[in-house]
Amino acid sequence: MENQIDKTLINTISELDRKEKKINEFKSRVRVKGKLIKKGKTKKGSIKLIVQKDDDKYNFVVIKAHKENFALAERLGVSSFVSVVGIIKFRAIICTQLKQLLKMDESKQAILPFT
């Protein structure tokens, strides 16, 4: 007689674990809307962007393997407005999404009063 374990509990727990990992990965991303103040190349040919938001400066690296982001980063001019999303990996923020903004939007979340 074989002793079989009900798989529903194991499947439920593994699904919850998968969702939790996805949430934690999303939280660890760096999102910045700001002004591109400096652009340069790295030793391996990737593009290094320095984006300023208020008084903070963020260093992003756009890897050559990310073709669309790399092409956009090459076209960007200094003092243009950008929206950048990146993942922190070993002393650098690797750019995963890059968008050029027409103008800087200083929108912030606000709590609306009940009427």
N, C-alpha and C. Protein backbone atom coordinates (compact mmCIF):
# COMPACT_ATOMS: atom_id res chain seq x y z
N MET A 1 0.83 -1.18 0.00
CA MET A 1 0.00 0.00 0.00
C MET A 1 0.88 1.24 0.00
N GLU A 2 0.74 2.08 -1.00
CA GLU A 2 1.55 3.29 -1.11
C GLU A 2 0.91 4.42 -0.32
N ASN A 3 1.79 5.26 0.25
CA ASN A 3 1.34 6.39 1.03
C ASN A 3 1.43 7.65 0.17
N GLN A 4 0.33 8.07 -0.43
CA GLN A 4 0.34 9.23 -1.31
C GLN A 4 -0.11 10.47 -0.54
N ILE A 5 0.59 11.56 -0.81
CA ILE A 5 0.26 12.83 -0.17
C ILE A 5 -0.66 13.60 -1.11
N ASP A 6 -1.63 14.27 -0.52
CA ASP A 6 -2.53 15.10 -1.31
C ASP A 6 -1.76 16.29 -1.87
N LYS A 7 -1.75 16.45 -3.16
CA LYS A 7 -0.94 17.47 -3.84
C LYS A 7 -1.57 18.86 -3.80
N THR A 8 -2.83 18.97 -3.42
CA THR A 8 -3.48 20.29 -3.46
C THR A 8 -2.82 21.28 -2.51
N LEU A 9 -2.45 20.85 -1.31
CA LEU A 9 -1.81 21.74 -0.35
C LEU A 9 -0.43 22.17 -0.86
N ILE A 10 0.32 21.25 -1.41
CA ILE A 10 1.65 21.57 -1.94
C ILE A 10 1.54 22.54 -3.12
N ASN A 11 0.59 22.31 -4.00
CA ASN A 11 0.39 23.20 -5.14
C ASN A 11 -0.02 24.60 -4.69
N THR A 12 -0.88 24.69 -3.69
CA THR A 12 -1.32 25.99 -3.17
C THR A 12 -0.16 26.75 -2.56
N ILE A 13 0.65 26.08 -1.77
CA ILE A 13 1.80 26.73 -1.13
C ILE A 13 2.82 27.18 -2.17
N SER A 14 3.09 26.36 -3.16
CA SER A 14 4.06 26.75 -4.19
C SER A 14 3.55 27.92 -5.03
N GLU A 15 2.25 27.99 -5.26
CA GLU A 15 1.66 29.12 -5.99
C GLU A 15 1.78 30.41 -5.17
N LEU A 16 1.52 30.34 -3.88
CA LEU A 16 1.68 31.51 -3.01
C LEU A 16 3.14 31.97 -2.96
N ASP A 17 4.05 31.03 -2.93
CA ASP A 17 5.48 31.35 -2.91
C ASP A 17 5.90 32.05 -4.20
N ARG A 18 5.40 31.57 -5.32
CA ARG A 18 5.70 32.19 -6.62
C ARG A 18 5.20 33.64 -6.67
N LYS A 19 3.98 33.86 -6.16
CA LYS A 19 3.42 35.21 -6.14
C LYS A 19 4.23 36.13 -5.22
N GLU A 20 4.66 35.62 -4.08
CA GLU A 20 5.44 36.43 -3.14
C GLU A 20 6.79 36.83 -3.73
N LYS A 21 7.44 35.91 -4.43
CA LYS A 21 8.71 36.22 -5.08
C LYS A 21 8.53 37.30 -6.14
N LYS A 22 7.44 37.22 -6.90
CA LYS A 22 7.16 38.20 -7.94
C LYS A 22 6.94 39.59 -7.33
N ILE A 23 6.21 39.65 -6.22
CA ILE A 23 5.96 40.92 -5.54
C ILE A 23 7.26 41.51 -5.01
N ASN A 24 8.09 40.69 -4.39
CA ASN A 24 9.36 41.18 -3.85
C ASN A 24 10.29 41.66 -4.95
N GLU A 25 10.30 40.99 -6.09
CA GLU A 25 11.12 41.42 -7.22
C GLU A 25 10.64 42.76 -7.74
N PHE A 26 9.32 42.94 -7.79
CA PHE A 26 8.77 44.20 -8.29
C PHE A 26 9.07 45.35 -7.33
N LYS A 27 9.06 45.08 -6.03
CA LYS A 27 9.36 46.11 -5.03
C LYS A 27 10.82 46.56 -5.10
N SER A 28 11.71 45.66 -5.48
CA SER A 28 13.14 45.98 -5.47
C SER A 28 13.58 46.79 -6.68
N ARG A 29 12.68 47.07 -7.61
CA ARG A 29 13.04 47.84 -8.79
C ARG A 29 13.12 49.33 -8.45
N VAL A 30 14.02 50.00 -9.15
CA VAL A 30 14.20 51.43 -8.97
C VAL A 30 13.49 52.13 -10.11
N ARG A 31 12.58 53.05 -9.77
CA ARG A 31 11.83 53.80 -10.78
C ARG A 31 12.14 55.28 -10.60
N VAL A 32 12.59 55.91 -11.68
CA VAL A 32 12.98 57.32 -11.60
C VAL A 32 12.46 58.06 -12.82
N LYS A 33 11.85 59.23 -12.59
CA LYS A 33 11.53 60.17 -13.65
C LYS A 33 12.37 61.40 -13.37
N GLY A 34 13.21 61.75 -14.32
CA GLY A 34 14.08 62.89 -14.08
C GLY A 34 14.76 63.37 -15.33
N LYS A 35 15.80 64.19 -15.11
CA LYS A 35 16.52 64.81 -16.20
C LYS A 35 17.86 64.10 -16.39
N LEU A 36 18.18 63.79 -17.63
CA LEU A 36 19.45 63.15 -17.96
C LEU A 36 20.54 64.22 -17.91
N ILE A 37 21.49 64.06 -16.96
CA ILE A 37 22.51 65.10 -16.82
C ILE A 37 23.86 64.69 -17.38
N LYS A 38 24.07 63.38 -17.54
CA LYS A 38 25.35 62.94 -18.10
C LYS A 38 25.17 61.60 -18.78
N LYS A 39 25.91 61.41 -19.87
CA LYS A 39 25.83 60.17 -20.63
C LYS A 39 27.24 59.77 -21.02
N GLY A 40 27.56 58.48 -20.89
CA GLY A 40 28.90 58.01 -21.25
C GLY A 40 28.90 56.54 -21.59
N LYS A 41 30.08 56.04 -21.97
CA LYS A 41 30.24 54.62 -22.33
C LYS A 41 31.03 53.91 -21.23
N THR A 42 30.74 52.61 -21.08
CA THR A 42 31.52 51.79 -20.15
C THR A 42 32.64 51.09 -20.93
N LYS A 43 33.47 50.36 -20.23
CA LYS A 43 34.59 49.66 -20.87
C LYS A 43 34.11 48.65 -21.91
N LYS A 44 32.98 48.00 -21.63
CA LYS A 44 32.48 46.96 -22.52
C LYS A 44 31.53 47.48 -23.58
N GLY A 45 31.35 48.80 -23.66
CA GLY A 45 30.53 49.37 -24.72
C GLY A 45 29.09 49.66 -24.35
N SER A 46 28.69 49.37 -23.12
CA SER A 46 27.34 49.71 -22.69
C SER A 46 27.27 51.22 -22.43
N ILE A 47 26.06 51.72 -22.25
CA ILE A 47 25.87 53.15 -22.03
C ILE A 47 25.54 53.41 -20.57
N LYS A 48 26.22 54.39 -19.99
CA LYS A 48 25.99 54.77 -18.61
C LYS A 48 25.22 56.08 -18.60
N LEU A 49 24.08 56.10 -17.92
CA LEU A 49 23.25 57.30 -17.83
C LEU A 49 23.20 57.76 -16.38
N ILE A 50 23.33 59.06 -16.17
CA ILE A 50 23.16 59.63 -14.84
C ILE A 50 21.92 60.51 -14.89
N VAL A 51 20.91 60.11 -14.11
CA VAL A 51 19.62 60.78 -14.10
C VAL A 51 19.45 61.49 -12.76
N GLN A 52 19.00 62.74 -12.82
CA GLN A 52 18.81 63.52 -11.61
C GLN A 52 17.32 63.74 -11.37
N LYS A 53 16.91 63.41 -10.16
CA LYS A 53 15.53 63.67 -9.73
C LYS A 53 15.64 64.47 -8.44
N ASP A 54 15.15 65.69 -8.45
CA ASP A 54 15.29 66.63 -7.34
C ASP A 54 16.79 66.80 -7.03
N ASP A 55 17.24 66.40 -5.85
CA ASP A 55 18.66 66.53 -5.50
C ASP A 55 19.41 65.20 -5.60
N ASP A 56 18.69 64.11 -5.92
CA ASP A 56 19.30 62.79 -5.98
C ASP A 56 19.77 62.47 -7.40
N LYS A 57 20.92 61.77 -7.48
CA LYS A 57 21.46 61.33 -8.77
C LYS A 57 21.49 59.80 -8.79
N TYR A 58 21.07 59.23 -9.92
CA TYR A 58 21.02 57.77 -10.07
C TYR A 58 21.86 57.38 -11.27
N ASN A 59 22.69 56.35 -11.11
CA ASN A 59 23.53 55.83 -12.19
C ASN A 59 22.87 54.58 -12.77
N PHE A 60 22.51 54.63 -14.03
CA PHE A 60 21.92 53.48 -14.72
C PHE A 60 22.87 53.01 -15.81
N VAL A 61 22.88 51.70 -16.05
CA VAL A 61 23.67 51.11 -17.12
C VAL A 61 22.72 50.44 -18.10
N VAL A 62 22.80 50.84 -19.37
CA VAL A 62 21.99 50.22 -20.42
C VAL A 62 22.89 49.24 -21.16
N ILE A 63 22.59 47.96 -21.04
CA ILE A 63 23.43 46.91 -21.60
C ILE A 63 23.21 46.80 -23.11
N LYS A 64 24.27 46.48 -23.84
CA LYS A 64 24.18 46.36 -25.31
C LYS A 64 23.19 45.28 -25.74
N ALA A 65 23.00 44.26 -24.93
CA ALA A 65 22.11 43.16 -25.29
C ALA A 65 20.65 43.60 -25.35
N HIS A 66 20.29 44.67 -24.62
CA HIS A 66 18.93 45.19 -24.66
C HIS A 66 18.84 46.17 -25.83
N LYS A 67 18.55 45.65 -27.01
CA LYS A 67 18.67 46.40 -28.27
C LYS A 67 17.83 47.68 -28.30
N GLU A 68 16.54 47.59 -27.94
CA GLU A 68 15.66 48.75 -28.03
C GLU A 68 16.08 49.85 -27.06
N ASN A 69 16.35 49.47 -25.81
CA ASN A 69 16.78 50.46 -24.82
C ASN A 69 18.13 51.06 -25.19
N PHE A 70 19.02 50.25 -25.73
CA PHE A 70 20.35 50.72 -26.12
C PHE A 70 20.24 51.74 -27.27
N ALA A 71 19.39 51.45 -28.24
CA ALA A 71 19.21 52.36 -29.37
C ALA A 71 18.61 53.69 -28.91
N LEU A 72 17.65 53.63 -28.00
CA LEU A 72 17.05 54.85 -27.48
C LEU A 72 18.06 55.64 -26.65
N ALA A 73 18.86 54.95 -25.86
CA ALA A 73 19.87 55.62 -25.03
C ALA A 73 20.92 56.32 -25.90
N GLU A 74 21.25 55.74 -27.05
CA GLU A 74 22.20 56.38 -27.95
C GLU A 74 21.63 57.68 -28.51
N ARG A 75 20.33 57.70 -28.79
CA ARG A 75 19.69 58.88 -29.39
C ARG A 75 19.41 59.99 -28.38
N LEU A 76 19.31 59.64 -27.10
CA LEU A 76 18.96 60.63 -26.08
C LEU A 76 20.04 61.71 -25.98
N GLY A 77 19.59 62.93 -25.80
CA GLY A 77 20.51 64.03 -25.60
C GLY A 77 20.59 64.39 -24.12
N VAL A 78 21.71 64.97 -23.73
CA VAL A 78 21.85 65.42 -22.36
C VAL A 78 20.83 66.53 -22.13
N SER A 79 20.29 66.58 -20.94
CA SER A 79 19.25 67.52 -20.49
C SER A 79 17.86 67.17 -21.04
N SER A 80 17.67 65.95 -21.53
CA SER A 80 16.33 65.50 -21.91
C SER A 80 15.69 64.80 -20.71
N PHE A 81 14.38 64.73 -20.70
CA PHE A 81 13.66 64.12 -19.60
C PHE A 81 13.39 62.65 -19.92
N VAL A 82 13.63 61.78 -18.92
CA VAL A 82 13.49 60.34 -19.12
C VAL A 82 12.77 59.70 -17.94
N SER A 83 12.20 58.55 -18.22
CA SER A 83 11.63 57.69 -17.20
C SER A 83 12.40 56.37 -17.29
N VAL A 84 13.02 55.97 -16.17
CA VAL A 84 13.88 54.80 -16.18
C VAL A 84 13.46 53.84 -15.07
N VAL A 85 13.44 52.55 -15.40
CA VAL A 85 13.19 51.50 -14.42
C VAL A 85 14.38 50.57 -14.47
N GLY A 86 14.90 50.18 -13.29
CA GLY A 86 16.07 49.32 -13.27
C GLY A 86 16.07 48.38 -12.08
N ILE A 87 16.94 47.39 -12.16
CA ILE A 87 17.12 46.41 -11.10
C ILE A 87 18.53 46.56 -10.56
N ILE A 88 18.66 46.58 -9.25
CA ILE A 88 19.97 46.73 -8.63
C ILE A 88 20.71 45.40 -8.69
N LYS A 89 21.87 45.40 -9.36
CA LYS A 89 22.71 44.21 -9.47
C LYS A 89 24.16 44.62 -9.23
N PHE A 90 24.76 44.17 -8.19
CA PHE A 90 26.17 44.31 -7.89
C PHE A 90 26.73 45.70 -8.21
N ARG A 91 26.45 46.65 -7.38
CA ARG A 91 26.98 48.01 -7.45
C ARG A 91 26.53 48.80 -8.68
N ALA A 92 25.50 48.38 -9.37
CA ALA A 92 25.00 49.11 -10.53
C ALA A 92 23.50 48.90 -10.64
N ILE A 93 22.84 49.83 -11.30
CA ILE A 93 21.41 49.67 -11.57
C ILE A 93 21.28 49.37 -13.06
N ILE A 94 20.88 48.15 -13.38
CA ILE A 94 20.74 47.72 -14.76
C ILE A 94 19.37 48.20 -15.27
N CYS A 95 19.39 48.94 -16.35
CA CYS A 95 18.17 49.52 -16.91
C CYS A 95 17.34 48.43 -17.60
N THR A 96 16.06 48.33 -17.21
CA THR A 96 15.17 47.37 -17.84
C THR A 96 14.13 48.05 -18.72
N GLN A 97 13.77 49.29 -18.39
CA GLN A 97 12.83 50.06 -19.20
C GLN A 97 13.33 51.49 -19.31
N LEU A 98 13.24 52.05 -20.50
CA LEU A 98 13.70 53.41 -20.73
C LEU A 98 12.70 54.10 -21.65
N LYS A 99 12.24 55.28 -21.24
CA LYS A 99 11.31 56.06 -22.06
C LYS A 99 11.75 57.51 -22.05
N GLN A 100 11.58 58.17 -23.18
CA GLN A 100 11.85 59.60 -23.26
C GLN A 100 10.55 60.33 -23.00
N LEU A 101 10.60 61.34 -22.13
CA LEU A 101 9.42 62.13 -21.81
C LEU A 101 9.51 63.47 -22.53
N LEU A 102 8.38 63.97 -22.98
CA LEU A 102 8.36 65.26 -23.66
C LEU A 102 8.58 66.41 -22.67
N LYS A 103 7.97 66.29 -21.50
CA LYS A 103 8.17 67.30 -20.46
C LYS A 103 8.13 66.60 -19.12
N MET A 104 8.67 67.24 -18.13
CA MET A 104 8.72 66.63 -16.80
C MET A 104 7.37 66.81 -16.11
N ASP A 105 6.81 65.70 -15.68
CA ASP A 105 5.53 65.71 -14.99
C ASP A 105 5.81 65.59 -13.50
N GLU A 106 5.51 66.60 -12.75
CA GLU A 106 5.77 66.62 -11.31
C GLU A 106 4.56 66.13 -10.52
N SER A 107 3.84 65.15 -11.05
CA SER A 107 2.64 64.68 -10.37
C SER A 107 3.01 63.82 -9.17
N LYS A 108 2.22 63.95 -8.13
CA LYS A 108 2.41 63.17 -6.91
C LYS A 108 1.06 62.68 -6.47
N GLN A 109 1.06 61.59 -5.73
CA GLN A 109 -0.20 61.07 -5.23
C GLN A 109 -0.69 61.96 -4.10
N ALA A 110 -1.98 62.15 -4.06
CA ALA A 110 -2.58 62.95 -3.01
C ALA A 110 -3.83 62.24 -2.51
N ILE A 111 -4.12 62.43 -1.25
CA ILE A 111 -5.32 61.84 -0.66
C ILE A 111 -6.44 62.86 -0.84
N LEU A 112 -7.49 62.43 -1.52
CA LEU A 112 -8.62 63.31 -1.77
C LEU A 112 -9.54 63.33 -0.55
N PRO A 113 -10.01 64.50 -0.17
CA PRO A 113 -10.93 64.57 0.97
C PRO A 113 -12.31 64.07 0.58
N PHE A 114 -13.00 63.49 1.56
CA PHE A 114 -14.35 63.02 1.31
C PHE A 114 -15.30 64.21 1.36
N THR A 115 -16.25 64.24 0.44
CA THR A 115 -17.19 65.35 0.43
C THR A 115 -18.58 64.91 0.80
